[in-house]
Every structure is written in structure tokens, then in C-alpha cells.
Amino acid sequence: MVVDFFRKKNQTDSVMSDMEAKQKRYEALVQAYNKDVYRYAYWLVKDKHVAEDIVQETFLRAWRSLDSLKDEKAAKAWLITILRRENARRFERKQFNLVDIEDHSVADVNATSTEQQIENEWLRRQIDKLAPEYKEPLLLQVIGGFSGDEIAEMLELNKNTVMTRLFRARNQLKEALDEDQERGQSNG
């Protein structure tokens, strides 16, 4: 009986220790990637409140599945994958009103001038005009900082397909810039 008491106490202590370790690991994950995950969510949904909800759901699912994350170096890609699936679930549950990106923007606190702000806004509009198959890999690379291999894994595509889409996305942006500059020269 005394042996059973100590065995149960040791098991309880072990469970508590495991929970504390999981909590610390989770908090470190949230601290390290919360801003990146939110930034990507905002680019996907163009609505601050929806982005916050998706990020919250993403981290809730991450908590539940934390034991499945074996490689800490893959944590950011793992979270982005969860976020993309959470975003897809939104459309399975119900349809939301679409928001025009031109009505909402995220302030760039690093912008140094009005000219830089204008250029950033122009770039945001041009990126938003890209077809989803080009926009998503570009945002994952530019905002998420992911490699072609990581993007291919997240989007469940061949790496060559991802690299082609990135190339085409950049070309479309370059063409838009060239057209804009030509219009500016003919007006000036």
C-alpha cells in the first residue's frame, strides 16, 4: 500500500514535469513565431480580426499536436501549414464577406518616407493582383522566409513547380513596374 502511494506520487510528479516542459516549449514557440504567423495570416485574409482568429486557432492546434513536432527547425513551416489548413477550414464552415485590400492596410513602421510608403502600397496592390498560385509561394518566400523546398512541402507541390511559380510571380511584378514606369514617362 505504501509502495502504491509512492508509485502513484512518482507518476503524478512525472506527468506534471512533462506538462511543464510542454508548456515551456509551447510558450517558446509562440514567442518565436507569433509575429510571422500573424503577418502571413493577414496577407492571406486581409482582415485583422479574422487573421487574429486564425492565428489563435493555429496555436491551439499547435498545442494539441506539439508532441508531433520532432524537429524544432521545422517549427515555422509546421505552424504555417497549420495556419493554411485553418484558413481552408474557414471556408468549409461558412462563407465570410470579402474585404477589399485597398480599404485596409497594415502600416509599415519601417518606412522612411512618404515615397517609400507609396512604393510599398503599390507593391502590396500588385502582389494582391497575382493569381493565388503565384501569390502564395511568393508570400511564403518573402514574408515567411521559406526556401523553395520548404514551400514545396507546405503547398504539397514539386519544388520545380514552386520555383517556376516564384519566377513567374516576380516577372509579373517586374512587368507591372515596367508598365507603370512607361505610363509615368509618357505622362511626364
C-alpha atoms as a PDB file:
ATOM      1  CA  MET A   1       0.000   0.000   0.000  1.00  0.00           C
ATOM      2  CA  VAL A   2       2.790   2.432   0.856  1.00  0.00           C
ATOM      3  CA  VAL A   3       4.620   1.316  -2.304  1.00  0.00           C
ATOM      4  CA  ASP A   4       1.485   2.034  -4.377  1.00  0.00           C
ATOM      5  CA  PHE A   5       1.251   5.506  -2.831  1.00  0.00           C
ATOM      6  CA  PHE A   6       4.839   6.352  -3.805  1.00  0.00           C
ATOM      7  CA  ARG A   7       4.420   4.831  -7.280  1.00  0.00           C
ATOM      8  CA  LYS A   8       1.324   6.999  -7.908  1.00  0.00           C
ATOM      9  CA  LYS A   9       3.083  10.050  -6.487  1.00  0.00           C
ATOM     10  CA  ASN A  10       6.054   9.478  -8.812  1.00  0.00           C
ATOM     11  CA  GLN A  11       3.707   9.055 -11.785  1.00  0.00           C
ATOM     12  CA  THR A  12       1.884  12.273 -10.875  1.00  0.00           C
ATOM     13  CA  ASP A  13       5.185  14.117 -10.479  1.00  0.00           C
ATOM     14  CA  SER A  14       6.333  12.793 -13.867  1.00  0.00           C
ATOM     15  CA  VAL A  15       3.099  13.905 -15.564  1.00  0.00           C
ATOM     16  CA  MET A  16       3.384  17.364 -14.002  1.00  0.00           C
ATOM     17  CA  SER A  17       7.001  17.633 -15.119  1.00  0.00           C
ATOM     18  CA  ASP A  18       6.045  16.618 -18.679  1.00  0.00           C
ATOM     19  CA  MET A  19       3.239  19.201 -18.733  1.00  0.00           C
ATOM     20  CA  GLU A  20       5.575  21.947 -17.519  1.00  0.00           C
ATOM     21  CA  ALA A  21       8.111  21.042 -20.200  1.00  0.00           C
ATOM     22  CA  LYS A  22       5.375  21.060 -22.866  1.00  0.00           C
ATOM     23  CA  GLN A  23       4.120  24.437 -21.604  1.00  0.00           C
ATOM     24  CA  LYS A  24       7.615  25.955 -21.776  1.00  0.00           C
ATOM     25  CA  ARG A  25       8.195  24.515 -25.252  1.00  0.00           C
ATOM     26  CA  TYR A  26       4.838  25.887 -26.411  1.00  0.00           C
ATOM     27  CA  GLU A  27       5.462  29.345 -24.948  1.00  0.00           C
ATOM     28  CA  ALA A  28       8.849  29.479 -26.670  1.00  0.00           C
ATOM     29  CA  LEU A  29       7.173  28.504 -29.953  1.00  0.00           C
ATOM     30  CA  VAL A  30       4.530  31.219 -29.621  1.00  0.00           C
ATOM     31  CA  GLN A  31       7.114  33.820 -28.636  1.00  0.00           C
ATOM     32  CA  ALA A  32       9.394  32.960 -31.544  1.00  0.00           C
ATOM     33  CA  TYR A  33       6.811  32.733 -34.343  1.00  0.00           C
ATOM     34  CA  ASN A  34       3.675  34.654 -33.338  1.00  0.00           C
ATOM     35  CA  LYS A  35       4.518  37.748 -35.396  1.00  0.00           C
ATOM     36  CA  ASP A  36       5.493  35.783 -38.515  1.00  0.00           C
ATOM     37  CA  VAL A  37       2.378  33.617 -38.325  1.00  0.00           C
ATOM     38  CA  TYR A  38       0.148  36.677 -37.847  1.00  0.00           C
ATOM     39  CA  ARG A  39       1.827  38.546 -40.720  1.00  0.00           C
ATOM     40  CA  TYR A  40       1.223  35.617 -43.064  1.00  0.00           C
ATOM     41  CA  ALA A  41      -2.364  35.206 -41.833  1.00  0.00           C
ATOM     42  CA  TYR A  42      -3.060  38.868 -42.513  1.00  0.00           C
ATOM     43  CA  TRP A  43      -1.689  38.578 -46.046  1.00  0.00           C
ATOM     44  CA  LEU A  44      -3.972  35.593 -46.619  1.00  0.00           C
ATOM     45  CA  VAL A  45      -7.232  37.008 -45.276  1.00  0.00           C
ATOM     46  CA  LYS A  46      -6.780  40.808 -45.451  1.00  0.00           C
ATOM     47  CA  ASP A  47      -8.755  41.260 -42.221  1.00  0.00           C
ATOM     48  CA  LYS A  48      -7.168  41.937 -38.834  1.00  0.00           C
ATOM     49  CA  HIS A  49      -9.850  40.197 -36.764  1.00  0.00           C
ATOM     50  CA  VAL A  50     -10.056  37.103 -38.962  1.00  0.00           C
ATOM     51  CA  ALA A  51      -6.247  36.891 -39.013  1.00  0.00           C
ATOM     52  CA  GLU A  52      -6.189  37.054 -35.210  1.00  0.00           C
ATOM     53  CA  ASP A  53      -8.806  34.283 -35.008  1.00  0.00           C
ATOM     54  CA  ILE A  54      -6.913  32.054 -37.421  1.00  0.00           C
ATOM     55  CA  VAL A  55      -3.652  32.602 -35.562  1.00  0.00           C
ATOM     56  CA  GLN A  56      -5.362  31.732 -32.283  1.00  0.00           C
ATOM     57  CA  GLU A  57      -6.779  28.542 -33.808  1.00  0.00           C
ATOM     58  CA  THR A  58      -3.369  27.757 -35.300  1.00  0.00           C
ATOM     59  CA  PHE A  59      -1.647  27.958 -31.932  1.00  0.00           C
ATOM     60  CA  LEU A  60      -4.448  25.995 -30.276  1.00  0.00           C
ATOM     61  CA  ARG A  61      -3.949  23.184 -32.785  1.00  0.00           C
ATOM     62  CA  ALA A  62      -0.198  23.505 -32.339  1.00  0.00           C
ATOM     63  CA  TRP A  63      -0.632  22.991 -28.582  1.00  0.00           C
ATOM     64  CA  ARG A  64      -2.711  19.877 -29.174  1.00  0.00           C
ATOM     65  CA  SER A  65      -0.198  18.468 -31.659  1.00  0.00           C
ATOM     66  CA  LEU A  66       3.010  19.719 -30.096  1.00  0.00           C
ATOM     67  CA  ASP A  67       4.281  16.200 -29.499  1.00  0.00           C
ATOM     68  CA  SER A  68       4.189  15.586 -33.264  1.00  0.00           C
ATOM     69  CA  LEU A  69       6.757  18.368 -33.845  1.00  0.00           C
ATOM     70  CA  LYS A  70      10.009  16.437 -33.787  1.00  0.00           C
ATOM     71  CA  ASP A  71      12.360  18.929 -35.442  1.00  0.00           C
ATOM     72  CA  GLU A  72      12.397  22.383 -33.837  1.00  0.00           C
ATOM     73  CA  LYS A  73      13.994  23.804 -37.023  1.00  0.00           C
ATOM     74  CA  ALA A  74      10.793  22.923 -38.886  1.00  0.00           C
ATOM     75  CA  ALA A  75       8.534  24.715 -36.385  1.00  0.00           C
ATOM     76  CA  LYS A  76       7.841  27.772 -38.529  1.00  0.00           C
ATOM     77  CA  ALA A  77       6.917  25.707 -41.600  1.00  0.00           C
ATOM     78  CA  TRP A  78       4.815  23.431 -39.374  1.00  0.00           C
ATOM     79  CA  LEU A  79       2.903  26.429 -37.984  1.00  0.00           C
ATOM     80  CA  ILE A  80       2.365  27.940 -41.449  1.00  0.00           C
ATOM     81  CA  THR A  81       0.988  24.601 -42.655  1.00  0.00           C
ATOM     82  CA  ILE A  82      -1.413  24.514 -39.706  1.00  0.00           C
ATOM     83  CA  LEU A  83      -2.416  28.122 -40.452  1.00  0.00           C
ATOM     84  CA  ARG A  84      -3.101  27.342 -44.123  1.00  0.00           C
ATOM     85  CA  ARG A  85      -5.311  24.414 -43.101  1.00  0.00           C
ATOM     86  CA  GLU A  86      -7.127  26.572 -40.548  1.00  0.00           C
ATOM     87  CA  ASN A  87      -7.774  29.152 -43.236  1.00  0.00           C
ATOM     88  CA  ALA A  88      -9.172  26.431 -45.524  1.00  0.00           C
ATOM     89  CA  ARG A  89     -11.431  25.204 -42.690  1.00  0.00           C
ATOM     90  CA  ARG A  90     -12.997  28.669 -42.518  1.00  0.00           C
ATOM     91  CA  PHE A  91     -14.485  28.137 -45.941  1.00  0.00           C
ATOM     92  CA  GLU A  92     -15.725  24.674 -45.067  1.00  0.00           C
ATOM     93  CA  ARG A  93     -17.683  26.062 -42.104  1.00  0.00           C
ATOM     94  CA  LYS A  94     -19.180  29.230 -43.561  1.00  0.00           C
ATOM     95  CA  GLN A  95     -18.644  31.964 -46.092  1.00  0.00           C
ATOM     96  CA  PHE A  96     -17.347  35.321 -44.944  1.00  0.00           C
ATOM     97  CA  ASN A  97     -17.768  38.692 -46.567  1.00  0.00           C
ATOM     98  CA  LEU A  98     -14.738  39.511 -48.672  1.00  0.00           C
ATOM     99  CA  VAL A  99     -12.748  42.591 -47.818  1.00  0.00           C
ATOM    100  CA  ASP A 100     -11.104  44.728 -50.467  1.00  0.00           C
ATOM    101  CA  ILE A 101      -7.418  45.095 -49.606  1.00  0.00           C
ATOM    102  CA  GLU A 102      -7.435  48.699 -50.770  1.00  0.00           C
ATOM    103  CA  ASP A 103      -9.761  49.531 -47.874  1.00  0.00           C
ATOM    104  CA  HIS A 104      -7.379  48.020 -45.316  1.00  0.00           C
ATOM    105  CA  SER A 105      -3.644  48.163 -44.963  1.00  0.00           C
ATOM    106  CA  VAL A 106      -1.021  47.344 -42.406  1.00  0.00           C
ATOM    107  CA  ALA A 107       1.213  50.251 -41.506  1.00  0.00           C
ATOM    108  CA  ASP A 108       4.869  49.769 -42.357  1.00  0.00           C
ATOM    109  CA  VAL A 109       6.648  51.137 -39.309  1.00  0.00           C
ATOM    110  CA  ASN A 110       9.987  50.826 -41.084  1.00  0.00           C
ATOM    111  CA  ALA A 111       9.052  53.122 -43.962  1.00  0.00           C
ATOM    112  CA  THR A 112      11.362  56.091 -44.004  1.00  0.00           C
ATOM    113  CA  SER A 113       9.498  58.421 -46.324  1.00  0.00           C
ATOM    114  CA  THR A 114       6.198  59.127 -47.999  1.00  0.00           C
ATOM    115  CA  GLU A 115       7.758  57.973 -51.266  1.00  0.00           C
ATOM    116  CA  GLN A 116       8.716  54.651 -49.662  1.00  0.00           C
ATOM    117  CA  GLN A 117       5.177  54.278 -48.300  1.00  0.00           C
ATOM    118  CA  ILE A 118       3.721  54.903 -51.751  1.00  0.00           C
ATOM    119  CA  GLU A 119       6.062  52.311 -53.269  1.00  0.00           C
ATOM    120  CA  ASN A 120       5.178  49.774 -50.560  1.00  0.00           C
ATOM    121  CA  GLU A 121       1.459  50.302 -51.116  1.00  0.00           C
ATOM    122  CA  TRP A 122       1.913  49.967 -54.888  1.00  0.00           C
ATOM    123  CA  LEU A 123       3.788  46.679 -54.338  1.00  0.00           C
ATOM    124  CA  ARG A 124       1.078  45.361 -51.976  1.00  0.00           C
ATOM    125  CA  ARG A 125      -1.596  46.096 -54.594  1.00  0.00           C
ATOM    126  CA  GLN A 126       0.436  44.405 -57.333  1.00  0.00           C
ATOM    127  CA  ILE A 127       1.064  41.317 -55.192  1.00  0.00           C
ATOM    128  CA  ASP A 128      -2.636  41.164 -54.370  1.00  0.00           C
ATOM    129  CA  LYS A 129      -3.442  41.137 -58.098  1.00  0.00           C
ATOM    130  CA  LEU A 130      -1.375  37.982 -58.635  1.00  0.00           C
ATOM    131  CA  ALA A 131      -3.249  34.721 -59.100  1.00  0.00           C
ATOM    132  CA  PRO A 132      -3.282  32.659 -55.874  1.00  0.00           C
ATOM    133  CA  GLU A 133      -0.939  30.031 -57.318  1.00  0.00           C
ATOM    134  CA  TYR A 134       1.712  32.745 -57.758  1.00  0.00           C
ATOM    135  CA  LYS A 135       0.902  34.919 -54.764  1.00  0.00           C
ATOM    136  CA  GLU A 136       1.026  32.200 -52.106  1.00  0.00           C
ATOM    137  CA  PRO A 137       4.543  30.873 -52.845  1.00  0.00           C
ATOM    138  CA  LEU A 138       5.820  34.442 -53.204  1.00  0.00           C
ATOM    139  CA  LEU A 139       4.397  35.446 -49.812  1.00  0.00           C
ATOM    140  CA  LEU A 140       5.786  32.311 -48.190  1.00  0.00           C
ATOM    141  CA  GLN A 141       9.216  33.177 -49.550  1.00  0.00           C
ATOM    142  CA  VAL A 142       9.189  36.947 -48.980  1.00  0.00           C
ATOM    143  CA  ILE A 143       7.211  37.191 -45.745  1.00  0.00           C
ATOM    144  CA  GLY A 144       7.823  33.743 -44.312  1.00  0.00           C
ATOM    145  CA  GLY A 145      11.448  33.467 -45.396  1.00  0.00           C
ATOM    146  CA  PHE A 146      10.965  29.869 -46.552  1.00  0.00           C
ATOM    147  CA  SER A 147      13.150  28.074 -49.080  1.00  0.00           C
ATOM    148  CA  GLY A 148      11.825  26.514 -52.275  1.00  0.00           C
ATOM    149  CA  ASP A 149      11.985  23.059 -50.666  1.00  0.00           C
ATOM    150  CA  GLU A 150      10.006  24.214 -47.628  1.00  0.00           C
ATOM    151  CA  ILE A 151       7.392  25.941 -49.780  1.00  0.00           C
ATOM    152  CA  ALA A 152       7.051  22.829 -51.941  1.00  0.00           C
ATOM    153  CA  GLU A 153       6.451  20.727 -48.850  1.00  0.00           C
ATOM    154  CA  MET A 154       3.902  23.151 -47.385  1.00  0.00           C
ATOM    155  CA  LEU A 155       1.970  23.530 -50.630  1.00  0.00           C
ATOM    156  CA  GLU A 156       2.378  19.848 -51.466  1.00  0.00           C
ATOM    157  CA  LEU A 157       3.946  20.679 -54.827  1.00  0.00           C
ATOM    158  CA  ASN A 158       7.068  19.692 -56.709  1.00  0.00           C
ATOM    159  CA  LYS A 159       9.998  22.036 -55.993  1.00  0.00           C
ATOM    160  CA  ASN A 160      10.352  22.817 -59.717  1.00  0.00           C
ATOM    161  CA  THR A 161       6.702  23.875 -59.811  1.00  0.00           C
ATOM    162  CA  VAL A 162       7.272  26.188 -56.852  1.00  0.00           C
ATOM    163  CA  MET A 163      10.393  27.703 -58.422  1.00  0.00           C
ATOM    164  CA  THR A 164       8.525  28.263 -61.704  1.00  0.00           C
ATOM    165  CA  ARG A 165       5.670  29.965 -59.880  1.00  0.00           C
ATOM    166  CA  LEU A 166       8.104  32.184 -57.959  1.00  0.00           C
ATOM    167  CA  PHE A 167       9.839  33.112 -61.226  1.00  0.00           C
ATOM    168  CA  ARG A 168       6.518  33.929 -62.903  1.00  0.00           C
ATOM    169  CA  ALA A 169       5.307  35.935 -59.901  1.00  0.00           C
ATOM    170  CA  ARG A 170       8.466  38.060 -59.949  1.00  0.00           C
ATOM    171  CA  ASN A 171       8.172  38.507 -63.720  1.00  0.00           C
ATOM    172  CA  GLN A 172       4.577  39.679 -63.391  1.00  0.00           C
ATOM    173  CA  LEU A 173       5.644  42.205 -60.753  1.00  0.00           C
ATOM    174  CA  LYS A 174       8.527  43.373 -62.962  1.00  0.00           C
ATOM    175  CA  GLU A 175       6.162  43.759 -65.930  1.00  0.00           C
ATOM    176  CA  ALA A 176       3.751  45.783 -63.786  1.00  0.00           C
ATOM    177  CA  LEU A 177       6.624  48.008 -62.674  1.00  0.00           C
ATOM    178  CA  ASP A 178       7.815  48.480 -66.265  1.00  0.00           C
ATOM    179  CA  GLU A 179       4.268  49.376 -67.402  1.00  0.00           C
ATOM    180  CA  ASP A 180       3.884  51.803 -64.511  1.00  0.00           C
ATOM    181  CA  GLN A 181       7.208  53.471 -65.326  1.00  0.00           C
ATOM    182  CA  GLU A 182       6.297  53.725 -69.029  1.00  0.00           C
ATOM    183  CA  ARG A 183       2.983  55.367 -68.095  1.00  0.00           C
ATOM    184  CA  GLY A 184       4.840  57.758 -65.815  1.00  0.00           C
ATOM    185  CA  GLN A 185       7.277  58.721 -68.569  1.00  0.00           C
ATOM    186  CA  SER A 186       4.526  59.272 -71.150  1.00  0.00           C
ATOM    187  CA  ASN A 187       2.577  61.431 -68.678  1.00  0.00           C
ATOM    188  CA  GLY A 188       5.640  63.434 -67.646  1.00  0.00           C
END
